[in-house]
N, C-alpha and C. Protein backbone atom coordinates (compact mmCIF):
# COMPACT_ATOMS: atom_id res chain seq x y z
N MET A 1 12.89 -1.17 -25.54
CA MET A 1 12.97 -0.62 -24.20
C MET A 1 12.41 -1.64 -23.22
N ASN A 2 13.05 -1.82 -22.10
CA ASN A 2 12.61 -2.77 -21.09
C ASN A 2 11.50 -2.18 -20.24
N LYS A 3 10.60 -3.04 -19.81
CA LYS A 3 9.56 -2.64 -18.88
C LYS A 3 9.91 -3.20 -17.52
N ILE A 4 9.36 -2.60 -16.47
CA ILE A 4 9.57 -3.13 -15.13
C ILE A 4 9.06 -4.56 -15.12
N GLY A 5 9.84 -5.46 -14.59
CA GLY A 5 9.44 -6.85 -14.53
C GLY A 5 10.08 -7.71 -15.62
N ASP A 6 10.68 -7.10 -16.65
CA ASP A 6 11.38 -7.89 -17.66
C ASP A 6 12.51 -8.67 -17.02
N MET A 7 12.88 -9.77 -17.62
CA MET A 7 13.95 -10.60 -17.08
C MET A 7 15.30 -9.90 -17.15
N GLU A 8 15.53 -9.14 -18.21
CA GLU A 8 16.80 -8.45 -18.38
C GLU A 8 16.82 -7.19 -17.51
N PRO A 9 17.90 -6.97 -16.74
CA PRO A 9 17.96 -5.77 -15.87
C PRO A 9 17.91 -4.49 -16.69
N THR A 10 17.24 -3.50 -16.16
CA THR A 10 17.17 -2.21 -16.82
C THR A 10 18.27 -1.29 -16.29
N VAL A 11 18.45 -0.19 -16.96
CA VAL A 11 19.41 0.81 -16.50
C VAL A 11 19.04 1.28 -15.10
N ILE A 12 17.74 1.52 -14.87
CA ILE A 12 17.30 1.99 -13.56
C ILE A 12 17.56 0.93 -12.50
N HIS A 13 17.28 -0.34 -12.82
CA HIS A 13 17.53 -1.42 -11.86
C HIS A 13 19.02 -1.48 -11.51
N ASN A 14 19.88 -1.37 -12.50
CA ASN A 14 21.33 -1.38 -12.25
C ASN A 14 21.73 -0.18 -11.39
N PHE A 15 21.10 0.97 -11.65
CA PHE A 15 21.38 2.16 -10.84
C PHE A 15 20.98 1.93 -9.39
N TYR A 16 19.80 1.35 -9.17
CA TYR A 16 19.35 1.07 -7.80
C TYR A 16 20.33 0.15 -7.08
N LYS A 17 20.80 -0.90 -7.78
CA LYS A 17 21.75 -1.82 -7.16
C LYS A 17 23.06 -1.13 -6.82
N ALA A 18 23.55 -0.29 -7.73
CA ALA A 18 24.80 0.43 -7.48
C ALA A 18 24.64 1.42 -6.34
N THR A 19 23.47 2.09 -6.32
CA THR A 19 23.21 3.05 -5.24
C THR A 19 23.16 2.35 -3.89
N GLN A 20 22.50 1.20 -3.84
CA GLN A 20 22.42 0.44 -2.60
C GLN A 20 23.82 0.03 -2.14
N SER A 21 24.66 -0.43 -3.04
CA SER A 21 26.02 -0.84 -2.69
C SER A 21 26.82 0.35 -2.17
N LEU A 22 26.72 1.49 -2.84
CA LEU A 22 27.44 2.69 -2.40
C LEU A 22 26.95 3.14 -1.04
N ARG A 23 25.63 3.14 -0.84
CA ARG A 23 25.07 3.55 0.44
C ARG A 23 25.57 2.65 1.58
N GLU A 24 25.58 1.35 1.34
CA GLU A 24 26.06 0.42 2.36
C GLU A 24 27.54 0.65 2.67
N ALA A 25 28.33 0.89 1.64
CA ALA A 25 29.76 1.15 1.84
C ALA A 25 29.96 2.45 2.62
N MET A 26 29.19 3.47 2.29
CA MET A 26 29.34 4.75 2.98
C MET A 26 28.86 4.66 4.43
N GLU A 27 27.83 3.85 4.67
CA GLU A 27 27.37 3.66 6.05
C GLU A 27 28.42 2.93 6.89
N SER A 28 29.31 2.21 6.21
CA SER A 28 30.41 1.52 6.89
C SER A 28 31.68 2.35 6.87
N ASP A 29 31.52 3.66 6.63
CA ASP A 29 32.63 4.61 6.61
C ASP A 29 33.66 4.29 5.53
N LEU A 30 33.17 4.16 4.31
CA LEU A 30 34.03 3.94 3.15
C LEU A 30 35.13 4.99 3.13
N PRO A 31 36.39 4.56 3.10
CA PRO A 31 37.46 5.57 3.05
C PRO A 31 37.57 6.17 1.64
N LEU A 32 37.51 7.48 1.56
CA LEU A 32 37.65 8.19 0.29
C LEU A 32 38.77 9.21 0.42
N ASN A 33 39.64 9.24 -0.59
CA ASN A 33 40.64 10.30 -0.59
C ASN A 33 39.99 11.56 -1.15
N ASP A 34 40.72 12.67 -1.16
CA ASP A 34 40.13 13.94 -1.59
C ASP A 34 39.61 13.88 -3.03
N LEU A 35 40.36 13.27 -3.93
CA LEU A 35 39.94 13.18 -5.32
C LEU A 35 38.67 12.34 -5.45
N GLU A 36 38.60 11.23 -4.75
CA GLU A 36 37.41 10.38 -4.79
C GLU A 36 36.19 11.11 -4.23
N ARG A 37 36.37 11.84 -3.15
CA ARG A 37 35.27 12.57 -2.53
C ARG A 37 34.75 13.65 -3.46
N ILE A 38 35.67 14.42 -4.05
CA ILE A 38 35.27 15.48 -4.98
C ILE A 38 34.60 14.88 -6.22
N SER A 39 35.14 13.78 -6.72
CA SER A 39 34.53 13.12 -7.88
C SER A 39 33.12 12.64 -7.55
N LEU A 40 32.94 12.04 -6.38
CA LEU A 40 31.62 11.58 -5.96
C LEU A 40 30.65 12.75 -5.87
N GLU A 41 31.07 13.84 -5.27
CA GLU A 41 30.22 15.02 -5.17
C GLU A 41 29.85 15.55 -6.55
N ASN A 42 30.81 15.55 -7.48
CA ASN A 42 30.53 16.02 -8.83
C ASN A 42 29.55 15.10 -9.55
N TYR A 43 29.70 13.79 -9.41
CA TYR A 43 28.78 12.85 -10.04
C TYR A 43 27.37 12.99 -9.48
N ILE A 44 27.26 13.18 -8.18
CA ILE A 44 25.94 13.36 -7.56
C ILE A 44 25.30 14.64 -8.09
N ALA A 45 26.06 15.72 -8.17
CA ALA A 45 25.53 16.99 -8.70
C ALA A 45 25.13 16.83 -10.16
N LEU A 46 25.94 16.16 -10.95
CA LEU A 46 25.62 15.95 -12.37
C LEU A 46 24.36 15.12 -12.52
N LEU A 47 24.23 14.08 -11.72
CA LEU A 47 23.04 13.25 -11.77
C LEU A 47 21.80 14.06 -11.40
N GLN A 48 21.91 14.89 -10.38
CA GLN A 48 20.78 15.71 -9.97
C GLN A 48 20.38 16.69 -11.07
N MET A 49 21.35 17.34 -11.69
CA MET A 49 21.04 18.28 -12.78
C MET A 49 20.41 17.55 -13.96
N THR A 50 20.93 16.37 -14.28
CA THR A 50 20.40 15.60 -15.39
C THR A 50 18.96 15.17 -15.11
N TYR A 51 18.70 14.73 -13.88
CA TYR A 51 17.34 14.32 -13.52
C TYR A 51 16.37 15.50 -13.56
N ILE A 52 16.78 16.64 -13.06
CA ILE A 52 15.92 17.82 -13.09
C ILE A 52 15.58 18.19 -14.53
N GLU A 53 16.55 18.13 -15.42
CA GLU A 53 16.30 18.44 -16.83
C GLU A 53 15.38 17.39 -17.46
N TRP A 54 15.61 16.12 -17.17
CA TRP A 54 14.73 15.05 -17.68
C TRP A 54 13.30 15.26 -17.18
N LYS A 55 13.18 15.57 -15.88
CA LYS A 55 11.86 15.77 -15.28
C LYS A 55 11.14 16.95 -15.92
N ARG A 56 11.87 18.02 -16.21
CA ARG A 56 11.29 19.19 -16.86
C ARG A 56 10.72 18.81 -18.22
N ARG A 57 11.44 17.95 -18.95
CA ARG A 57 10.99 17.55 -20.29
C ARG A 57 9.87 16.50 -20.26
N ASN A 58 9.82 15.67 -19.23
CA ASN A 58 8.94 14.51 -19.25
C ASN A 58 7.79 14.51 -18.25
N CYS A 59 7.83 15.31 -17.23
CA CYS A 59 6.80 15.28 -16.20
C CYS A 59 6.06 16.61 -16.19
N HIS A 60 4.91 16.59 -16.82
CA HIS A 60 4.13 17.82 -16.90
C HIS A 60 3.27 17.94 -15.64
N PRO A 61 3.12 19.14 -15.12
CA PRO A 61 2.31 19.31 -13.92
C PRO A 61 0.86 18.93 -14.20
N PRO A 62 0.17 18.42 -13.18
CA PRO A 62 -1.22 18.03 -13.39
C PRO A 62 -2.07 19.26 -13.72
N ALA A 63 -3.08 19.04 -14.52
CA ALA A 63 -4.00 20.15 -14.86
C ALA A 63 -4.83 20.47 -13.62
N TYR A 64 -4.81 21.71 -13.27
CA TYR A 64 -5.60 22.14 -12.11
C TYR A 64 -7.00 22.48 -12.55
N ARG A 65 -7.95 22.00 -11.80
CA ARG A 65 -9.34 22.28 -12.11
C ARG A 65 -9.72 23.64 -11.54
N LYS A 66 -10.49 24.36 -12.30
CA LYS A 66 -10.96 25.66 -11.82
C LYS A 66 -12.04 25.43 -10.77
N ALA A 67 -12.02 26.25 -9.77
CA ALA A 67 -13.05 26.15 -8.73
C ALA A 67 -14.39 26.58 -9.32
N ALA A 68 -15.44 25.86 -8.94
CA ALA A 68 -16.78 26.16 -9.49
C ALA A 68 -17.37 27.40 -8.86
């Protein structure tokens, strides 16, 4: 598994680069047909659901201290 700072790009680093490229294209009014727009919306929703599930499995809430 790669660590941040490794010479080889990580999956997350590649995602950041792709996201930046998409954001720049959309800020320049990237033309999308109906199928492309619906597909983009579906991918964004799928990514959000996947992240929420990953977060549920991997990010435990901090332990709250009882008030004295």
